Amino acid sequence: MESVPNRKTKCIENGSHRVNSCINSNYAFSELPSNLQRMYVQRILKNSARGYQTMNSGLPNSIFQHDKMTIDELRDILPPFEILDEVPLTCQGNYILSLGASEISHGKT
């Protein structure tokens, strides 16, 4: 397997808390237990300028309900974000959580 230059990975517990330019997740964050979601929010998401997450927890009709952060809890601790429809919808209650999208669409970058 070919190496990717200038790429570093770190354990979330030991990683730096610098600003991340962009995060992406397809269901991984939304399927974590709430204690790990909170750690990820504090150490990664709050330090991210932009991001895109496909979610299957957090809303009342999301498939994953037990031990997950709600959308209201996320709104209380994250920078402003938008909720977009998942297209095509792969399961009831799925959605896209978009960090920094309004800044991009309004030319604030």
C-alpha atoms as a PDB file:
ATOM      1  CA  MET A   1       0.000   0.000   0.000  1.00  0.00           C
ATOM      2  CA  GLU A   2       1.334   3.402  -0.974  1.00  0.00           C
ATOM      3  CA  SER A   3       2.021   5.962   1.753  1.00  0.00           C
ATOM      4  CA  VAL A   4       0.182   9.295   1.776  1.00  0.00           C
ATOM      5  CA  PRO A   5       2.700  12.126   2.289  1.00  0.00           C
ATOM      6  CA  ASN A   6       2.126  14.782   4.958  1.00  0.00           C
ATOM      7  CA  ARG A   7      -0.608  12.792   6.639  1.00  0.00           C
ATOM      8  CA  LYS A   8      -0.534  12.114  10.359  1.00  0.00           C
ATOM      9  CA  THR A   9      -2.942  10.189  12.509  1.00  0.00           C
ATOM     10  CA  LYS A  10      -3.248  10.490  16.265  1.00  0.00           C
ATOM     11  CA  CYS A  11      -5.241   8.851  18.980  1.00  0.00           C
ATOM     12  CA  ILE A  12      -8.150  11.060  20.039  1.00  0.00           C
ATOM     13  CA  GLU A  13      -6.848  10.950  23.615  1.00  0.00           C
ATOM     14  CA  ASN A  14      -3.378  12.191  22.602  1.00  0.00           C
ATOM     15  CA  GLY A  15      -4.211  14.327  19.591  1.00  0.00           C
ATOM     16  CA  SER A  16      -3.564  18.014  19.386  1.00  0.00           C
ATOM     17  CA  HIS A  17      -6.455  20.383  19.829  1.00  0.00           C
ATOM     18  CA  ARG A  18      -5.616  22.557  16.855  1.00  0.00           C
ATOM     19  CA  VAL A  19      -8.268  23.730  14.436  1.00  0.00           C
ATOM     20  CA  ASN A  20      -9.134  21.060  11.888  1.00  0.00           C
ATOM     21  CA  SER A  21     -10.039  22.374   8.461  1.00  0.00           C
ATOM     22  CA  CYS A  22     -12.644  19.718   7.690  1.00  0.00           C
ATOM     23  CA  ILE A  23     -14.119  16.530   9.157  1.00  0.00           C
ATOM     24  CA  ASN A  24     -16.187  13.891   7.375  1.00  0.00           C
ATOM     25  CA  SER A  25     -18.095  10.940   8.779  1.00  0.00           C
ATOM     26  CA  ASN A  26     -20.610   8.570   7.274  1.00  0.00           C
ATOM     27  CA  TYR A  27     -22.495   7.166  10.284  1.00  0.00           C
ATOM     28  CA  ALA A  28     -19.379   6.508  12.407  1.00  0.00           C
ATOM     29  CA  PHE A  29     -19.909   9.409  14.834  1.00  0.00           C
ATOM     30  CA  SER A  30     -23.654   8.832  15.128  1.00  0.00           C
ATOM     31  CA  GLU A  31     -23.168   5.164  16.049  1.00  0.00           C
ATOM     32  CA  LEU A  32     -20.718   5.832  18.896  1.00  0.00           C
ATOM     33  CA  PRO A  33     -22.004   5.624  22.496  1.00  0.00           C
ATOM     34  CA  SER A  34     -22.748   9.052  23.970  1.00  0.00           C
ATOM     35  CA  ASN A  35     -19.600   9.160  26.152  1.00  0.00           C
ATOM     36  CA  LEU A  36     -17.399   8.761  23.057  1.00  0.00           C
ATOM     37  CA  GLN A  37     -19.563  11.191  21.084  1.00  0.00           C
ATOM     38  CA  ARG A  38     -18.977  13.812  23.806  1.00  0.00           C
ATOM     39  CA  MET A  39     -15.216  13.184  23.731  1.00  0.00           C
ATOM     40  CA  TYR A  40     -15.198  13.472  19.934  1.00  0.00           C
ATOM     41  CA  VAL A  41     -17.208  16.713  20.089  1.00  0.00           C
ATOM     42  CA  GLN A  42     -14.824  18.272  22.618  1.00  0.00           C
ATOM     43  CA  ARG A  43     -11.611  17.178  20.924  1.00  0.00           C
ATOM     44  CA  ILE A  44     -12.504  17.175  17.232  1.00  0.00           C
ATOM     45  CA  LEU A  45     -15.818  18.722  16.177  1.00  0.00           C
ATOM     46  CA  LYS A  46     -15.579  21.899  18.267  1.00  0.00           C
ATOM     47  CA  ASN A  47     -12.184  22.513  16.649  1.00  0.00           C
ATOM     48  CA  SER A  48     -13.367  21.966  13.090  1.00  0.00           C
ATOM     49  CA  ALA A  49     -14.106  24.824  10.734  1.00  0.00           C
ATOM     50  CA  ARG A  50     -16.237  22.683   8.430  1.00  0.00           C
ATOM     51  CA  GLY A  51     -17.645  19.219   8.309  1.00  0.00           C
ATOM     52  CA  TYR A  52     -20.103  16.801   6.826  1.00  0.00           C
ATOM     53  CA  GLN A  53     -21.621  13.972   8.803  1.00  0.00           C
ATOM     54  CA  THR A  54     -24.218  11.497   7.637  1.00  0.00           C
ATOM     55  CA  MET A  55     -26.197  10.723  10.784  1.00  0.00           C
ATOM     56  CA  ASN A  56     -28.538   7.941  11.885  1.00  0.00           C
ATOM     57  CA  SER A  57     -29.043   9.058  15.492  1.00  0.00           C
ATOM     58  CA  GLY A  58     -30.024  12.271  17.244  1.00  0.00           C
ATOM     59  CA  LEU A  59     -33.543  12.824  15.912  1.00  0.00           C
ATOM     60  CA  PRO A  60     -36.701  11.356  17.467  1.00  0.00           C
ATOM     61  CA  ASN A  61     -37.265   9.156  14.388  1.00  0.00           C
ATOM     62  CA  SER A  62     -33.622   8.066  13.937  1.00  0.00           C
ATOM     63  CA  ILE A  63     -32.969   4.332  13.979  1.00  0.00           C
ATOM     64  CA  PHE A  64     -30.353   4.578  16.771  1.00  0.00           C
ATOM     65  CA  GLN A  65     -31.859   5.982  19.968  1.00  0.00           C
ATOM     66  CA  HIS A  66     -30.203   4.320  22.955  1.00  0.00           C
ATOM     67  CA  ASP A  67     -27.189   6.105  24.492  1.00  0.00           C
ATOM     68  CA  LYS A  68     -26.779   8.676  21.696  1.00  0.00           C
ATOM     69  CA  MET A  69     -26.550  12.468  21.849  1.00  0.00           C
ATOM     70  CA  THR A  70     -29.695  14.222  20.675  1.00  0.00           C
ATOM     71  CA  ILE A  71     -29.705  16.949  18.077  1.00  0.00           C
ATOM     72  CA  ASP A  72     -30.583  19.440  20.839  1.00  0.00           C
ATOM     73  CA  GLU A  73     -27.525  18.377  22.854  1.00  0.00           C
ATOM     74  CA  LEU A  74     -25.365  18.827  19.766  1.00  0.00           C
ATOM     75  CA  ARG A  75     -26.843  22.298  19.120  1.00  0.00           C
ATOM     76  CA  ASP A  76     -25.973  23.304  22.698  1.00  0.00           C
ATOM     77  CA  ILE A  77     -22.264  22.528  22.358  1.00  0.00           C
ATOM     78  CA  LEU A  78     -21.322  22.743  18.671  1.00  0.00           C
ATOM     79  CA  PRO A  79     -20.836  25.824  16.541  1.00  0.00           C
ATOM     80  CA  PRO A  80     -23.925  26.568  14.410  1.00  0.00           C
ATOM     81  CA  PHE A  81     -24.701  23.838  11.908  1.00  0.00           C
ATOM     82  CA  GLU A  82     -27.337  22.997   9.348  1.00  0.00           C
ATOM     83  CA  ILE A  83     -29.420  19.857   9.037  1.00  0.00           C
ATOM     84  CA  LEU A  84     -29.909  18.707   5.478  1.00  0.00           C
ATOM     85  CA  ASP A  85     -31.963  15.906   3.993  1.00  0.00           C
ATOM     86  CA  GLU A  86     -30.112  12.723   3.166  1.00  0.00           C
ATOM     87  CA  VAL A  87     -30.667  12.174  -0.569  1.00  0.00           C
ATOM     88  CA  PRO A  88     -31.504   9.508  -1.326  1.00  0.00           C
ATOM     89  CA  LEU A  89     -32.881   8.702   2.103  1.00  0.00           C
ATOM     90  CA  THR A  90     -31.395   5.341   3.089  1.00  0.00           C
ATOM     91  CA  CYS A  91     -33.364   4.940   6.327  1.00  0.00           C
ATOM     92  CA  GLN A  92     -36.048   6.874   8.191  1.00  0.00           C
ATOM     93  CA  GLY A  93     -34.515   9.490  10.494  1.00  0.00           C
ATOM     94  CA  ASN A  94     -31.201   9.805   8.633  1.00  0.00           C
ATOM     95  CA  TYR A  95     -29.909  13.278   7.835  1.00  0.00           C
ATOM     96  CA  ILE A  96     -26.775  15.269   7.070  1.00  0.00           C
ATOM     97  CA  LEU A  97     -25.219  17.476   9.737  1.00  0.00           C
ATOM     98  CA  SER A  98     -23.231  20.212   8.010  1.00  0.00           C
ATOM     99  CA  LEU A  99     -20.757  22.380   9.957  1.00  0.00           C
ATOM    100  CA  GLY A 100     -19.718  25.630   8.318  1.00  0.00           C
ATOM    101  CA  ALA A 101     -21.994  25.186   5.299  1.00  0.00           C
ATOM    102  CA  SER A 102     -23.713  28.549   5.759  1.00  0.00           C
ATOM    103  CA  GLU A 103     -20.322  30.283   5.722  1.00  0.00           C
ATOM    104  CA  ILE A 104     -19.458  28.592   2.429  1.00  0.00           C
ATOM    105  CA  SER A 105     -22.813  29.288   0.784  1.00  0.00           C
ATOM    106  CA  HIS A 106     -22.754  32.930   1.923  1.00  0.00           C
ATOM    107  CA  GLY A 107     -19.179  33.614   0.815  1.00  0.00           C
ATOM    108  CA  LYS A 108     -17.657  33.991   4.284  1.00  0.00           C
ATOM    109  CA  THR A 109     -14.639  31.764   3.630  1.00  0.00           C
END
